[in-house]
PDB file of N, CA and C in Angstrom:
ATOM      1  N   MET A   1     -12.858 -23.630  20.614  1.00  0.00           N
ATOM      2  CA  MET A   1     -12.607 -24.069  18.874  1.00  0.00           C
ATOM      3  C   MET A   1     -13.475 -23.035  18.134  1.00  0.00           C
ATOM      4  N   THR A   2     -14.506 -22.537  18.790  1.00  0.00           N
ATOM      5  CA  THR A   2     -15.282 -21.487  17.899  1.00  0.00           C
ATOM      6  C   THR A   2     -14.550 -20.238  17.769  1.00  0.00           C
ATOM      7  N   GLY A   3     -13.946 -19.822  18.842  1.00  0.00           N
ATOM      8  CA  GLY A   3     -12.837 -18.498  18.768  1.00  0.00           C
ATOM      9  C   GLY A   3     -11.803 -18.805  17.857  1.00  0.00           C
ATOM     10  N   GLU A   4     -11.012 -19.988  17.647  1.00  0.00           N
ATOM     11  CA  GLU A   4     -10.057 -20.369  16.594  1.00  0.00           C
ATOM     12  C   GLU A   4     -10.409 -20.215  15.223  1.00  0.00           C
ATOM     13  N   LEU A   5     -11.745 -20.780  15.179  1.00  0.00           N
ATOM     14  CA  LEU A   5     -12.244 -20.894  13.799  1.00  0.00           C
ATOM     15  C   LEU A   5     -12.592 -19.443  13.096  1.00  0.00           C
ATOM     16  N   ILE A   6     -13.581 -18.495  14.310  1.00  0.00           N
ATOM     17  CA  ILE A   6     -13.553 -17.282  13.765  1.00  0.00           C
ATOM     18  C   ILE A   6     -12.288 -16.356  13.415  1.00  0.00           C
ATOM     19  N   ALA A   7     -11.273 -16.747  14.278  1.00  0.00           N
ATOM     20  CA  ALA A   7      -9.875 -16.087  14.036  1.00  0.00           C
ATOM     21  C   ALA A   7      -9.325 -16.355  12.705  1.00  0.00           C
ATOM     22  N   GLU A   8      -9.486 -17.804  12.388  1.00  0.00           N
ATOM     23  CA  GLU A   8      -8.944 -18.027  10.903  1.00  0.00           C
ATOM     24  C   GLU A   8     -10.034 -17.215  10.051  1.00  0.00           C
ATOM     25  N   ILE A   9     -11.226 -17.504  10.281  1.00  0.00           N
ATOM     26  CA  ILE A   9     -12.044 -16.912   9.174  1.00  0.00           C
ATOM     27  C   ILE A   9     -11.750 -15.359   8.921  1.00  0.00           C
ATOM     28  N   ARG A  10     -11.643 -14.797   9.811  1.00  0.00           N
ATOM     29  CA  ARG A  10     -11.146 -13.370   9.631  1.00  0.00           C
ATOM     30  C   ARG A  10      -9.998 -13.032   9.106  1.00  0.00           C
ATOM     31  N   GLN A  11      -8.983 -14.078   9.418  1.00  0.00           N
ATOM     32  CA  GLN A  11      -7.459 -13.877   9.006  1.00  0.00           C
ATOM     33  C   GLN A  11      -7.791 -14.138   7.290  1.00  0.00           C
ATOM     34  N   VAL A  12      -8.441 -15.012   6.754  1.00  0.00           N
ATOM     35  CA  VAL A  12      -8.757 -15.416   5.406  1.00  0.00           C
ATOM     36  C   VAL A  12      -9.298 -13.687   4.792  1.00  0.00           C
ATOM     37  N   ARG A  13     -10.223 -13.316   5.537  1.00  0.00           N
ATOM     38  CA  ARG A  13     -11.051 -12.239   5.059  1.00  0.00           C
ATOM     39  C   ARG A  13     -10.096 -11.086   4.811  1.00  0.00           C
ATOM     40  N   ARG A  14      -9.029 -10.890   6.108  1.00  0.00           N
ATOM     41  CA  ARG A  14      -7.992  -9.838   5.657  1.00  0.00           C
ATOM     42  C   ARG A  14      -7.303  -9.971   4.426  1.00  0.00           C
ATOM     43  N   LEU A  15      -6.983 -11.213   4.352  1.00  0.00           N
ATOM     44  CA  LEU A  15      -6.365 -11.493   2.800  1.00  0.00           C
ATOM     45  C   LEU A  15      -6.961 -11.037   1.754  1.00  0.00           C
ATOM     46  N   LEU A  16      -8.391 -11.569   1.729  1.00  0.00           N
ATOM     47  CA  LEU A  16      -9.036 -11.017   0.460  1.00  0.00           C
ATOM     48  C   LEU A  16      -9.248  -9.493   0.392  1.00  0.00           C
ATOM     49  N   VAL A  17      -9.349  -8.727   1.663  1.00  0.00           N
ATOM     50  CA  VAL A  17      -9.247  -7.437   1.768  1.00  0.00           C
ATOM     51  C   VAL A  17      -8.008  -6.845   1.178  1.00  0.00           C
ATOM     52  N   GLU A  18      -6.933  -7.256   1.556  1.00  0.00           N
ATOM     53  CA  GLU A  18      -5.515  -6.833   0.833  1.00  0.00           C
ATOM     54  C   GLU A  18      -5.630  -7.032  -0.896  1.00  0.00           C
ATOM     55  N   ALA A  19      -6.231  -8.237  -0.966  1.00  0.00           N
ATOM     56  CA  ALA A  19      -6.243  -8.518  -2.670  1.00  0.00           C
ATOM     57  C   ALA A  19      -7.012  -7.590  -3.343  1.00  0.00           C
ATOM     58  N   SER A  20      -8.095  -7.319  -2.731  1.00  0.00           N
ATOM     59  CA  SER A  20      -9.025  -6.384  -3.215  1.00  0.00           C
ATOM     60  C   SER A  20      -8.239  -4.718  -3.643  1.00  0.00           C
ATOM     61  N   ARG A  21      -7.612  -4.664  -2.539  1.00  0.00           N
ATOM     62  CA  ARG A  21      -6.815  -3.134  -2.687  1.00  0.00           C
ATOM     63  C   ARG A  21      -5.782  -3.444  -3.921  1.00  0.00           C
ATOM     64  N   GLN A  22      -5.108  -4.626  -3.932  1.00  0.00           N
ATOM     65  CA  GLN A  22      -4.030  -4.665  -4.729  1.00  0.00           C
ATOM     66  C   GLN A  22      -4.864  -4.667  -6.397  1.00  0.00           C
ATOM     67  N   LEU A  23      -5.948  -5.183  -6.381  1.00  0.00           N
ATOM     68  CA  LEU A  23      -6.589  -5.219  -7.737  1.00  0.00           C
ATOM     69  C   LEU A  23      -7.334  -4.055  -7.960  1.00  0.00           C
ATOM     70  N   GLU A  24      -7.186  -2.863  -7.313  1.00  0.00           N
ATOM     71  CA  GLU A  24      -7.661  -1.598  -7.465  1.00  0.00           C
ATOM     72  C   GLU A  24      -6.922  -0.891  -8.708  1.00  0.00           C
ATOM     73  N   THR A  25      -5.665  -1.242  -8.753  1.00  0.00           N
ATOM     74  CA  THR A  25      -4.633  -1.004  -9.586  1.00  0.00           C
ATOM     75  C   THR A  25      -3.943  -2.222  -9.979  1.00  0.00           C
ATOM     76  N   PRO A  26      -4.423  -2.915 -11.219  1.00  0.00           N
ATOM     77  CA  PRO A  26      -3.995  -4.082 -11.442  1.00  0.00           C
ATOM     78  C   PRO A  26      -2.673  -4.336 -12.360  1.00  0.00           C
ATOM     79  N   ASN A  27      -1.958  -5.373 -11.942  1.00  0.00           N
ATOM     80  CA  ASN A  27      -1.013  -5.363 -12.943  1.00  0.00           C
ATOM     81  C   ASN A  27      -0.663  -6.885 -12.894  1.00  0.00           C
ATOM     82  N   ALA A  28       0.160  -7.291 -13.653  1.00  0.00           N
ATOM     83  CA  ALA A  28       0.537  -8.953 -13.871  1.00  0.00           C
ATOM     84  C   ALA A  28       0.700  -9.574 -12.743  1.00  0.00           C
ATOM     85  N   GLU A  29       1.482  -8.980 -11.583  1.00  0.00           N
ATOM     86  CA  GLU A  29       1.986  -9.868 -10.618  1.00  0.00           C
ATOM     87  C   GLU A  29       0.717  -9.668  -9.594  1.00  0.00           C
ATOM     88  N   SER A  30       0.053  -8.449  -9.518  1.00  0.00           N
ATOM     89  CA  SER A  30      -0.938  -8.570  -8.528  1.00  0.00           C
ATOM     90  C   SER A  30      -2.175  -9.476  -9.003  1.00  0.00           C
ATOM     91  N   VAL A  31      -2.503  -9.599 -10.406  1.00  0.00           N
ATOM     92  CA  VAL A  31      -3.582 -10.435 -10.646  1.00  0.00           C
ATOM     93  C   VAL A  31      -3.268 -11.925 -10.327  1.00  0.00           C
ATOM     94  N   SER A  32      -1.787 -12.304 -10.488  1.00  0.00           N
ATOM     95  CA  SER A  32      -1.469 -13.754 -10.200  1.00  0.00           C
ATOM     96  C   SER A  32      -1.445 -13.907  -8.781  1.00  0.00           C
ATOM     97  N   ALA A  33      -1.011 -13.167  -7.917  1.00  0.00           N
ATOM     98  CA  ALA A  33      -0.980 -13.293  -6.688  1.00  0.00           C
ATOM     99  C   ALA A  33      -2.397 -13.235  -6.010  1.00  0.00           C
ATOM    100  N   CYS A  34      -3.314 -12.517  -6.621  1.00  0.00           N
ATOM    101  CA  CYS A  34      -4.704 -12.673  -6.202  1.00  0.00           C
ATOM    102  C   CYS A  34      -5.426 -13.559  -6.511  1.00  0.00           C
ATOM    103  N   ALA A  35      -5.034 -14.139  -7.790  1.00  0.00           N
ATOM    104  CA  ALA A  35      -5.862 -15.586  -7.962  1.00  0.00           C
ATOM    105  C   ALA A  35      -5.568 -16.388  -7.076  1.00  0.00           C
ATOM    106  N   GLU A  36      -4.309 -16.650  -6.794  1.00  0.00           N
ATOM    107  CA  GLU A  36      -3.855 -17.468  -5.589  1.00  0.00           C
ATOM    108  C   GLU A  36      -4.485 -17.413  -4.470  1.00  0.00           C
ATOM    109  N   ARG A  37      -4.673 -16.325  -3.933  1.00  0.00           N
ATOM    110  CA  ARG A  37      -5.558 -16.069  -2.664  1.00  0.00           C
ATOM    111  C   ARG A  37      -6.660 -16.319  -2.722  1.00  0.00           C
ATOM    112  N   LEU A  38      -7.489 -16.145  -3.962  1.00  0.00           N
ATOM    113  CA  LEU A  38      -8.735 -16.433  -4.207  1.00  0.00           C
ATOM    114  C   LEU A  38      -8.944 -17.862  -4.149  1.00  0.00           C
ATOM    115  N   ASP A  39      -8.231 -18.729  -4.747  1.00  0.00           N
ATOM    116  CA  ASP A  39      -8.158 -20.153  -4.826  1.00  0.00           C
ATOM    117  C   ASP A  39      -8.018 -20.698  -3.520  1.00  0.00           C
ATOM    118  N   GLU A  40      -6.981 -20.171  -2.398  1.00  0.00           N
ATOM    119  CA  GLU A  40      -6.810 -20.560  -1.107  1.00  0.00           C
ATOM    120  C   GLU A  40      -7.968 -20.222  -0.496  1.00  0.00           C
ATOM    121  N   ALA A  41      -8.711 -19.328  -0.526  1.00  0.00           N
ATOM    122  CA  ALA A  41      -9.769 -18.711   0.239  1.00  0.00           C
ATOM    123  C   ALA A  41     -10.793 -19.854  -0.134  1.00  0.00           C
ATOM    124  N   ILE A  42     -11.186 -20.194  -1.285  1.00  0.00           N
ATOM    125  CA  ILE A  42     -12.223 -21.059  -1.660  1.00  0.00           C
ATOM    126  C   ILE A  42     -12.263 -22.230  -0.904  1.00  0.00           C
ATOM    127  N   ASP A  43     -10.649 -22.854  -0.861  1.00  0.00           N
ATOM    128  CA  ASP A  43     -10.389 -24.111  -0.327  1.00  0.00           C
ATOM    129  C   ASP A  43     -10.786 -23.894   1.199  1.00  0.00           C
ATOM    130  N   ARG A  44     -10.350 -22.720   1.880  1.00  0.00           N
ATOM    131  CA  ARG A  44     -10.649 -22.702   3.234  1.00  0.00           C
ATOM    132  C   ARG A  44     -12.047 -22.527   3.867  1.00  0.00           C
ATOM    133  N   ILE A  45     -12.804 -21.921   2.767  1.00  0.00           N
ATOM    134  CA  ILE A  45     -14.215 -21.906   3.124  1.00  0.00           C
ATOM    135  C   ILE A  45     -15.093 -23.257   3.261  1.00  0.00           C
ATOM    136  N   VAL A  46     -14.531 -24.167   2.505  1.00  0.00           N
ATOM    137  CA  VAL A  46     -15.032 -25.526   2.525  1.00  0.00           C
ATOM    138  C   VAL A  46     -14.538 -26.124   4.041  1.00  0.00           C
ATOM    139  N   ASP A  47     -13.460 -25.958   4.340  1.00  0.00           N
ATOM    140  CA  ASP A  47     -13.118 -26.209   5.720  1.00  0.00           C
ATOM    141  C   ASP A  47     -13.626 -25.748   6.939  1.00  0.00           C
ATOM    142  N   PHE A  48     -13.916 -24.283   6.785  1.00  0.00           N
ATOM    143  CA  PHE A  48     -14.728 -23.725   7.637  1.00  0.00           C
ATOM    144  C   PHE A  48     -16.244 -24.102   7.760  1.00  0.00           C
ATOM    145  N   GLU A  49     -16.827 -24.533   6.638  1.00  0.00           N
ATOM    146  CA  GLU A  49     -18.158 -24.792   6.502  1.00  0.00           C
ATOM    147  C   GLU A  49     -18.116 -26.320   7.503  1.00  0.00           C
ATOM    148  N   VAL A  50     -17.211 -27.118   7.385  1.00  0.00           N
ATOM    149  CA  VAL A  50     -17.481 -28.497   8.036  1.00  0.00           C
ATOM    150  C   VAL A  50     -17.134 -28.158   9.268  1.00  0.00           C
ATOM    151  N   HIS A  51     -16.171 -27.476   9.936  1.00  0.00           N
ATOM    152  CA  HIS A  51     -15.981 -26.956  11.333  1.00  0.00           C
ATOM    153  C   HIS A  51     -17.088 -26.196  11.915  1.00  0.00           C
ATOM    154  N   ALA A  52     -17.712 -25.334  10.962  1.00  0.00           N
ATOM    155  CA  ALA A  52     -18.847 -24.455  11.519  1.00  0.00           C
ATOM    156  C   ALA A  52     -20.149 -25.570  12.028  1.00  0.00           C
ATOM    157  N   ARG A  53     -20.269 -26.388  11.395  1.00  0.00           N
ATOM    158  CA  ARG A  53     -21.329 -27.680  11.641  1.00  0.00           C
ATOM    159  C   ARG A  53     -21.090 -28.280  12.886  1.00  0.00           C
ATOM    160  N   ARG A  54     -19.805 -28.341  13.271  1.00  0.00           N
ATOM    161  CA  ARG A  54     -19.493 -29.044  14.451  1.00  0.00           C
ATOM    162  C   ARG A  54     -19.636 -28.051  15.518  1.00  0.00           C
ATOM    163  N   ALA A  55     -19.816 -26.829  15.506  1.00  0.00           N
ATOM    164  CA  ALA A  55     -19.811 -25.962  16.513  1.00  0.00           C
ATOM    165  C   ALA A  55     -20.895 -25.933  17.351  1.00  0.00           C
ATOM    166  N   PRO A  56     -21.041 -25.681  18.478  1.00  0.00           N
ATOM    167  CA  PRO A  56     -21.960 -25.603  19.344  1.00  0.00           C
ATOM    168  C   PRO A  56     -23.651 -24.625  18.654  1.00  0.00           C
ATOM    169  N   GLU A  57     -24.486 -24.900  19.076  1.00  0.00           N
ATOM    170  CA  GLU A  57     -25.717 -24.238  18.159  1.00  0.00           C
ATOM    171  C   GLU A  57     -25.615 -22.993  18.676  1.00  0.00           C
ATOM    172  N   SER A  58     -25.246 -22.538  19.952  1.00  0.00           N
ATOM    173  CA  SER A  58     -25.293 -21.097  20.577  1.00  0.00           C
ATOM    174  C   SER A  58     -24.127 -20.123  19.539  1.00  0.00           C
ATOM    175  N   ASP A  59     -23.181 -20.691  19.048  1.00  0.00           N
ATOM    176  CA  ASP A  59     -21.994 -20.125  18.572  1.00  0.00           C
ATOM    177  C   ASP A  59     -22.441 -20.020  16.885  1.00  0.00           C
ATOM    178  N   ARG A  60     -23.273 -20.626  16.292  1.00  0.00           N
ATOM    179  CA  ARG A  60     -23.932 -20.913  14.764  1.00  0.00           C
ATOM    180  C   ARG A  60     -24.092 -19.373  14.314  1.00  0.00           C
ATOM    181  N   PRO A  61     -25.067 -18.857  14.958  1.00  0.00           N
ATOM    182  CA  PRO A  61     -25.146 -17.296  14.283  1.00  0.00           C
ATOM    183  C   PRO A  61     -24.057 -16.470  14.272  1.00  0.00           C
ATOM    184  N   LEU A  62     -22.956 -16.350  15.003  1.00  0.00           N
ATOM    185  CA  LEU A  62     -21.884 -15.642  14.718  1.00  0.00           C
ATOM    186  C   LEU A  62     -21.123 -16.304  13.657  1.00  0.00           C
ATOM    187  N   LEU A  63     -20.902 -17.391  13.722  1.00  0.00           N
ATOM    188  CA  LEU A  63     -20.247 -18.266  12.588  1.00  0.00           C
ATOM    189  C   LEU A  63     -20.847 -17.768  11.307  1.00  0.00           C
ATOM    190  N   ARG A  64     -22.166 -17.977  10.787  1.00  0.00           N
ATOM    191  CA  ARG A  64     -22.743 -17.558  10.026  1.00  0.00           C
ATOM    192  C   ARG A  64     -22.640 -16.102   9.428  1.00  0.00           C
ATOM    193  N   GLU A  65     -22.644 -15.399  10.397  1.00  0.00           N
ATOM    194  CA  GLU A  65     -22.197 -13.820  10.151  1.00  0.00           C
ATOM    195  C   GLU A  65     -20.919 -13.653   9.323  1.00  0.00           C
ATOM    196  N   GLU A  66     -19.824 -14.193  10.398  1.00  0.00           N
ATOM    197  CA  GLU A  66     -18.452 -14.515   9.719  1.00  0.00           C
ATOM    198  C   GLU A  66     -18.391 -14.954   8.259  1.00  0.00           C
ATOM    199  N   MET A  67     -19.133 -15.981   8.071  1.00  0.00           N
ATOM    200  CA  MET A  67     -18.768 -16.872   6.757  1.00  0.00           C
ATOM    201  C   MET A  67     -19.721 -15.879   5.661  1.00  0.00           C
ATOM    202  N   TYR A  68     -20.682 -15.278   5.963  1.00  0.00           N
ATOM    203  CA  TYR A  68     -21.296 -14.404   5.145  1.00  0.00           C
ATOM    204  C   TYR A  68     -20.301 -13.050   4.875  1.00  0.00           C
ATOM    205  N   CYS A  69     -19.766 -12.765   5.579  1.00  0.00           N
ATOM    206  CA  CYS A  69     -18.964 -11.477   5.279  1.00  0.00           C
ATOM    207  C   CYS A  69     -17.567 -12.163   4.603  1.00  0.00           C
ATOM    208  N   LEU A  70     -17.228 -13.115   5.026  1.00  0.00           N
ATOM    209  CA  LEU A  70     -16.143 -13.677   4.062  1.00  0.00           C
ATOM    210  C   LEU A  70     -16.654 -14.061   2.593  1.00  0.00           C
ATOM    211  N   ARG A  71     -17.654 -14.455   2.504  1.00  0.00           N
ATOM    212  CA  ARG A  71     -18.171 -14.624   1.152  1.00  0.00           C
ATOM    213  C   ARG A  71     -18.465 -13.525   0.266  1.00  0.00           C
ATOM    214  N   GLN A  72     -19.023 -12.317   1.041  1.00  0.00           N
ATOM    215  CA  GLN A  72     -19.178 -11.332   0.317  1.00  0.00           C
ATOM    216  C   GLN A  72     -17.541 -10.666  -0.102  1.00  0.00           C
ATOM    217  N   GLU A  73     -16.869 -10.859   0.734  1.00  0.00           N
ATOM    218  CA  GLU A  73     -15.403 -10.136   0.197  1.00  0.00           C
ATOM    219  C   GLU A  73     -14.817 -10.987  -0.870  1.00  0.00           C
ATOM    220  N   LEU A  74     -15.134 -12.318  -0.687  1.00  0.00           N
ATOM    221  CA  LEU A  74     -14.781 -13.318  -2.030  1.00  0.00           C
ATOM    222  C   LEU A  74     -15.087 -12.996  -3.257  1.00  0.00           C
ATOM    223  N   HIS A  75     -16.591 -12.681  -3.225  1.00  0.00           N
ATOM    224  CA  HIS A  75     -17.157 -12.063  -4.302  1.00  0.00           C
ATOM    225  C   HIS A  75     -16.635 -10.856  -4.839  1.00  0.00           C
ATOM    226  N   VAL A  76     -16.126  -9.980  -4.101  1.00  0.00           N
ATOM    227  CA  VAL A  76     -15.622  -8.620  -4.491  1.00  0.00           C
ATOM    228  C   VAL A  76     -14.576  -8.968  -5.080  1.00  0.00           C
ATOM    229  N   VAL A  77     -13.406  -9.716  -4.801  1.00  0.00           N
ATOM    230  CA  VAL A  77     -12.357 -10.161  -5.172  1.00  0.00           C
ATOM    231  C   VAL A  77     -12.464 -10.924  -6.416  1.00  0.00           C
ATOM    232  N   GLY A  78     -13.279 -11.949  -6.569  1.00  0.00           N
ATOM    233  CA  GLY A  78     -13.683 -12.616  -7.718  1.00  0.00           C
ATOM    234  C   GLY A  78     -14.047 -11.524  -8.969  1.00  0.00           C
ATOM    235  N   ARG A  79     -14.873 -10.631  -8.700  1.00  0.00           N
ATOM    236  CA  ARG A  79     -15.116  -9.634  -9.731  1.00  0.00           C
ATOM    237  C   ARG A  79     -14.202  -8.760  -9.973  1.00  0.00           C
ATOM    238  N   LEU A  80     -13.178  -8.176  -8.931  1.00  0.00           N
ATOM    239  CA  LEU A  80     -12.121  -7.328  -9.466  1.00  0.00           C
ATOM    240  C   LEU A  80     -11.008  -8.202 -10.188  1.00  0.00           C
ATOM    241  N   LEU A  81     -11.099  -9.501  -9.794  1.00  0.00           N
ATOM    242  CA  LEU A  81     -10.057 -10.289 -10.805  1.00  0.00           C
ATOM    243  C   LEU A  81     -10.450 -10.560 -12.178  1.00  0.00           C
ATOM    244  N   ALA A  82     -11.784 -10.648 -12.403  1.00  0.00           N
ATOM    245  CA  ALA A  82     -12.291 -10.850 -13.606  1.00  0.00           C
ATOM    246  C   ALA A  82     -12.110  -9.548 -14.439  1.00  0.00           C
ATOM    247  N   GLN A  83     -12.095  -8.494 -13.641  1.00  0.00           N
ATOM    248  CA  GLN A  83     -12.042  -7.213 -14.546  1.00  0.00           C
ATOM    249  C   GLN A  83     -10.671  -7.042 -14.873  1.00  0.00           C
ATOM    250  N   ALA A  84      -9.824  -7.400 -13.911  1.00  0.00           N
ATOM    251  CA  ALA A  84      -8.519  -7.106 -14.142  1.00  0.00           C
ATOM    252  C   ALA A  84      -7.972  -8.158 -15.360  1.00  0.00           C
ATOM    253  N   ALA A  85      -8.533  -9.217 -15.231  1.00  0.00           N
ATOM    254  CA  ALA A  85      -8.203 -10.097 -16.431  1.00  0.00           C
ATOM    255  C   ALA A  85      -8.560  -9.622 -17.663  1.00  0.00           C
ATOM    256  N   GLN A  86      -9.864  -9.099 -17.814  1.00  0.00           N
ATOM    257  CA  GLN A  86     -10.514  -8.631 -19.082  1.00  0.00           C
ATOM    258  C   GLN A  86      -9.429  -7.093 -19.416  1.00  0.00           C
ATOM    259  N   LEU A  87      -9.080  -6.452 -18.455  1.00  0.00           N
ATOM    260  CA  LEU A  87      -8.072  -5.371 -18.925  1.00  0.00           C
ATOM    261  C   LEU A  87      -6.952  -5.773 -19.342  1.00  0.00           C
ATOM    262  N   GLN A  88      -6.255  -6.878 -18.860  1.00  0.00           N
ATOM    263  CA  GLN A  88      -5.306  -7.438 -19.499  1.00  0.00           C
ATOM    264  C   GLN A  88      -5.036  -7.938 -20.761  1.00  0.00           C
ATOM    265  N   ILE A  89      -6.470  -8.799 -20.998  1.00  0.00           N
ATOM    266  CA  ILE A  89      -6.796  -9.423 -22.500  1.00  0.00           C
ATOM    267  C   ILE A  89      -6.926  -8.145 -23.240  1.00  0.00           C
ATOM    268  N   GLY A  90      -7.544  -7.097 -22.761  1.00  0.00           N
ATOM    269  CA  GLY A  90      -7.871  -5.851 -23.972  1.00  0.00           C
ATOM    270  C   GLY A  90      -6.505  -5.115 -24.528  1.00  0.00           C
ATOM    271  N   TRP A  91      -5.532  -5.192 -23.321  1.00  0.00           N
ATOM    272  CA  TRP A  91      -4.348  -4.458 -23.734  1.00  0.00           C
ATOM    273  C   TRP A  91      -3.761  -5.533 -24.564  1.00  0.00           C
ATOM    274  N   ALA A  92      -3.503  -6.707 -24.337  1.00  0.00           N
ATOM    275  CA  ALA A  92      -2.858  -7.315 -25.332  1.00  0.00           C
ATOM    276  C   ALA A  92      -3.372  -7.541 -26.751  1.00  0.00           C
ATOM    277  N   GLN A  93      -4.720  -7.385 -26.703  1.00  0.00           N
ATOM    278  CA  GLN A  93      -5.471  -7.404 -28.217  1.00  0.00           C
ATOM    279  C   GLN A  93      -5.008  -5.898 -28.676  1.00  0.00           C
ATOM    280  N   MET A  94      -5.024  -4.994 -28.141  1.00  0.00           N
ATOM    281  CA  MET A  94      -4.574  -3.966 -28.616  1.00  0.00           C
ATOM    282  C   MET A  94      -2.997  -3.615 -29.273  1.00  0.00           C
ATOM    283  N   LEU A  95      -2.292  -4.164 -28.282  1.00  0.00           N
ATOM    284  CA  LEU A  95      -1.068  -4.040 -28.342  1.00  0.00           C
ATOM    285  C   LEU A  95      -0.527  -4.984 -29.677  1.00  0.00           C
ATOM    286  N   GLY A  96      -1.396  -6.163 -29.758  1.00  0.00           N
ATOM    287  CA  GLY A  96      -1.123  -7.099 -30.787  1.00  0.00           C
ATOM    288  C   GLY A  96      -1.617  -6.568 -32.144  1.00  0.00           C
ATOM    289  N   ALA A  97      -2.829  -5.508 -32.137  1.00  0.00           N
ATOM    290  CA  ALA A  97      -3.252  -5.341 -33.625  1.00  0.00           C
ATOM    291  C   ALA A  97      -2.220  -4.015 -33.931  1.00  0.00           C
ATOM    292  N   ILE A  98      -1.558  -3.308 -33.208  1.00  0.00           N
ATOM    293  CA  ILE A  98      -0.692  -2.186 -33.647  1.00  0.00           C
ATOM    294  C   ILE A  98       0.278  -2.618 -34.579  1.00  0.00           C
ATOM    295  N   PRO A  99       1.079  -3.554 -34.281  1.00  0.00           N
ATOM    296  CA  PRO A  99       1.994  -3.929 -35.247  1.00  0.00           C
ATOM    297  C   PRO A  99       1.804  -4.491 -36.655  1.00  0.00           C
ATOM    298  N   ALA A 100       0.474  -5.112 -36.667  1.00  0.00           N
ATOM    299  CA  ALA A 100      -0.108  -5.704 -37.751  1.00  0.00           C
ATOM    300  C   ALA A 100      -0.608  -4.498 -38.795  1.00  0.00           C
ATOM    301  N   SER A 101      -0.695  -3.283 -38.236  1.00  0.00           N
ATOM    302  CA  SER A 101      -1.405  -2.166 -39.323  1.00  0.00           C
ATOM    303  C   SER A 101       0.030  -1.616 -39.957  1.00  0.00           C
ATOM    304  N   TYR A 102       1.217  -2.003 -39.488  1.00  0.00           N
ATOM    305  CA  TYR A 102       2.365  -1.424 -40.338  1.00  0.00           C
ATOM    306  C   TYR A 102       3.034  -2.399 -41.142  1.00  0.00           C
ATOM    307  N   ASP A 103       3.622  -1.832 -42.153  1.00  0.00           N
ATOM    308  CA  ASP A 103       4.409  -2.711 -42.958  1.00  0.00           C
ATOM    309  C   ASP A 103       6.038  -2.831 -42.413  1.00  0.00           C
ATOM    310  N   GLU A 104       6.592  -3.483 -43.328  1.00  0.00           N
ATOM    311  CA  GLU A 104       8.317  -3.476 -42.718  1.00  0.00           C
ATOM    312  C   GLU A 104       9.000  -2.237 -42.656  1.00  0.00           C
ATOM    313  N   GLN A 105       8.630  -1.272 -43.431  1.00  0.00           N
ATOM    314  CA  GLN A 105       9.264   0.212 -43.384  1.00  0.00           C
ATOM    315  C   GLN A 105       8.651   1.232 -42.236  1.00  0.00           C
ATOM    316  N   GLY A 106       7.543   0.624 -41.577  1.00  0.00           N
ATOM    317  CA  GLY A 106       7.027   1.380 -40.512  1.00  0.00           C
ATOM    318  C   GLY A 106       6.087   2.380 -40.940  1.00  0.00           C
ATOM    319  N   SER A 107       5.605   2.149 -42.381  1.00  0.00           N
ATOM    320  CA  SER A 107       4.524   2.914 -42.670  1.00  0.00           C
ATOM    321  C   SER A 107       3.259   1.988 -42.479  1.00  0.00           C
ATOM    322  N   MET A 108       1.962   2.908 -42.193  1.00  0.00           N
ATOM    323  CA  MET A 108       0.779   2.105 -42.079  1.00  0.00           C
ATOM    324  C   MET A 108       0.399   1.609 -43.257  1.00  0.00           C
ATOM    325  N   GLN A 109      -0.191   0.383 -43.506  1.00  0.00           N
ATOM    326  CA  GLN A 109      -0.552  -0.353 -44.689  1.00  0.00           C
ATOM    327  C   GLN A 109      -1.943   0.260 -45.103  1.00  0.00           C
ATOM    328  N   GLU A 110      -1.891   0.127 -46.399  1.00  0.00           N
ATOM    329  CA  GLU A 110      -3.204   0.656 -47.012  1.00  0.00           C
ATOM    330  C   GLU A 110      -4.788   0.397 -46.439  1.00  0.00           C
ATOM    331  N   HIS A 111      -4.818  -1.170 -46.198  1.00  0.00           N
ATOM    332  CA  HIS A 111      -6.111  -1.624 -45.528  1.00  0.00           C
ATOM    333  C   HIS A 111      -6.234  -0.948 -44.213  1.00  0.00           C
ATOM    334  N   ALA A 112      -5.214  -0.928 -43.280  1.00  0.00           N
ATOM    335  CA  ALA A 112      -5.221  -0.456 -42.116  1.00  0.00           C
ATOM    336  C   ALA A 112      -5.590   1.139 -41.896  1.00  0.00           C
ATOM    337  N   HIS A 113      -5.061   1.982 -42.974  1.00  0.00           N
ATOM    338  CA  HIS A 113      -5.255   3.181 -43.243  1.00  0.00           C
ATOM    339  C   HIS A 113      -6.673   3.522 -43.632  1.00  0.00           C
ATOM    340  N   SER A 114      -7.203   3.026 -44.697  1.00  0.00           N
ATOM    341  CA  SER A 114      -8.452   2.968 -44.948  1.00  0.00           C
ATOM    342  C   SER A 114      -9.375   2.858 -43.880  1.00  0.00           C
ATOM    343  N   SER A 115      -9.305   2.049 -43.166  1.00  0.00           N
ATOM    344  CA  SER A 115     -10.291   2.027 -42.116  1.00  0.00           C
ATOM    345  C   SER A 115     -10.064   2.678 -40.856  1.00  0.00           C
ATOM    346  N   LEU A 116      -9.188   3.589 -41.078  1.00  0.00           N
ATOM    347  CA  LEU A 116      -9.057   4.585 -40.036  1.00  0.00           C
ATOM    348  C   LEU A 116      -9.657   6.109 -40.471  1.00  0.00           C
ATOM    349  N   GLU A 117     -10.209   6.103 -41.798  1.00  0.00           N
ATOM    350  CA  GLU A 117     -10.595   7.197 -42.347  1.00  0.00           C
ATOM    351  C   GLU A 117     -11.955   7.684 -41.989  1.00  0.00           C
ATOM    352  N   VAL A 118     -12.412   8.813 -41.546  1.00  0.00           N
ATOM    353  CA  VAL A 118     -13.711   9.173 -41.393  1.00  0.00           C
ATOM    354  C   VAL A 118     -14.536   9.169 -42.745  1.00  0.00           C
ATOM    355  N   LYS A 119     -15.562   8.354 -42.470  1.00  0.00           N
ATOM    356  CA  LYS A 119     -16.487   8.531 -43.768  1.00  0.00           C
ATOM    357  C   LYS A 119     -17.677   9.802 -43.610  1.00  0.00           C
ATOM    358  N   GLY A 120     -17.844  10.542 -44.464  1.00  0.00           N
ATOM    359  CA  GLY A 120     -18.602  11.454 -44.280  1.00  0.00           C
ATOM    360  C   GLY A 120     -19.801  11.673 -45.311  1.00  0.00           C
TER     361      GLY A 120
END
């Protein structure tokens, strides 16, 4: 039983490591996929903890170590996912602001132009 549980913990950890790699160069698809993996991993951790409590006392130190490593990887993915989301939000804000600075003829509007001038 303990061996199977450790194998499952390591499998989820590998999925999170893969998610971390995808988030190093994030895009909309990788963010969505990684968010799903993160949710799944969180759900699995709860199950792992229940099963770990039922494990023989002699197996618990190894299970604690495996769970610690899994939580560390979960933390990394969570941070990368938050950063990727902020990057996407920033790009959307920048792209949304650009068209608002121009009139129908494609010229920069006066209020936008004056805010770009360097005051000296």
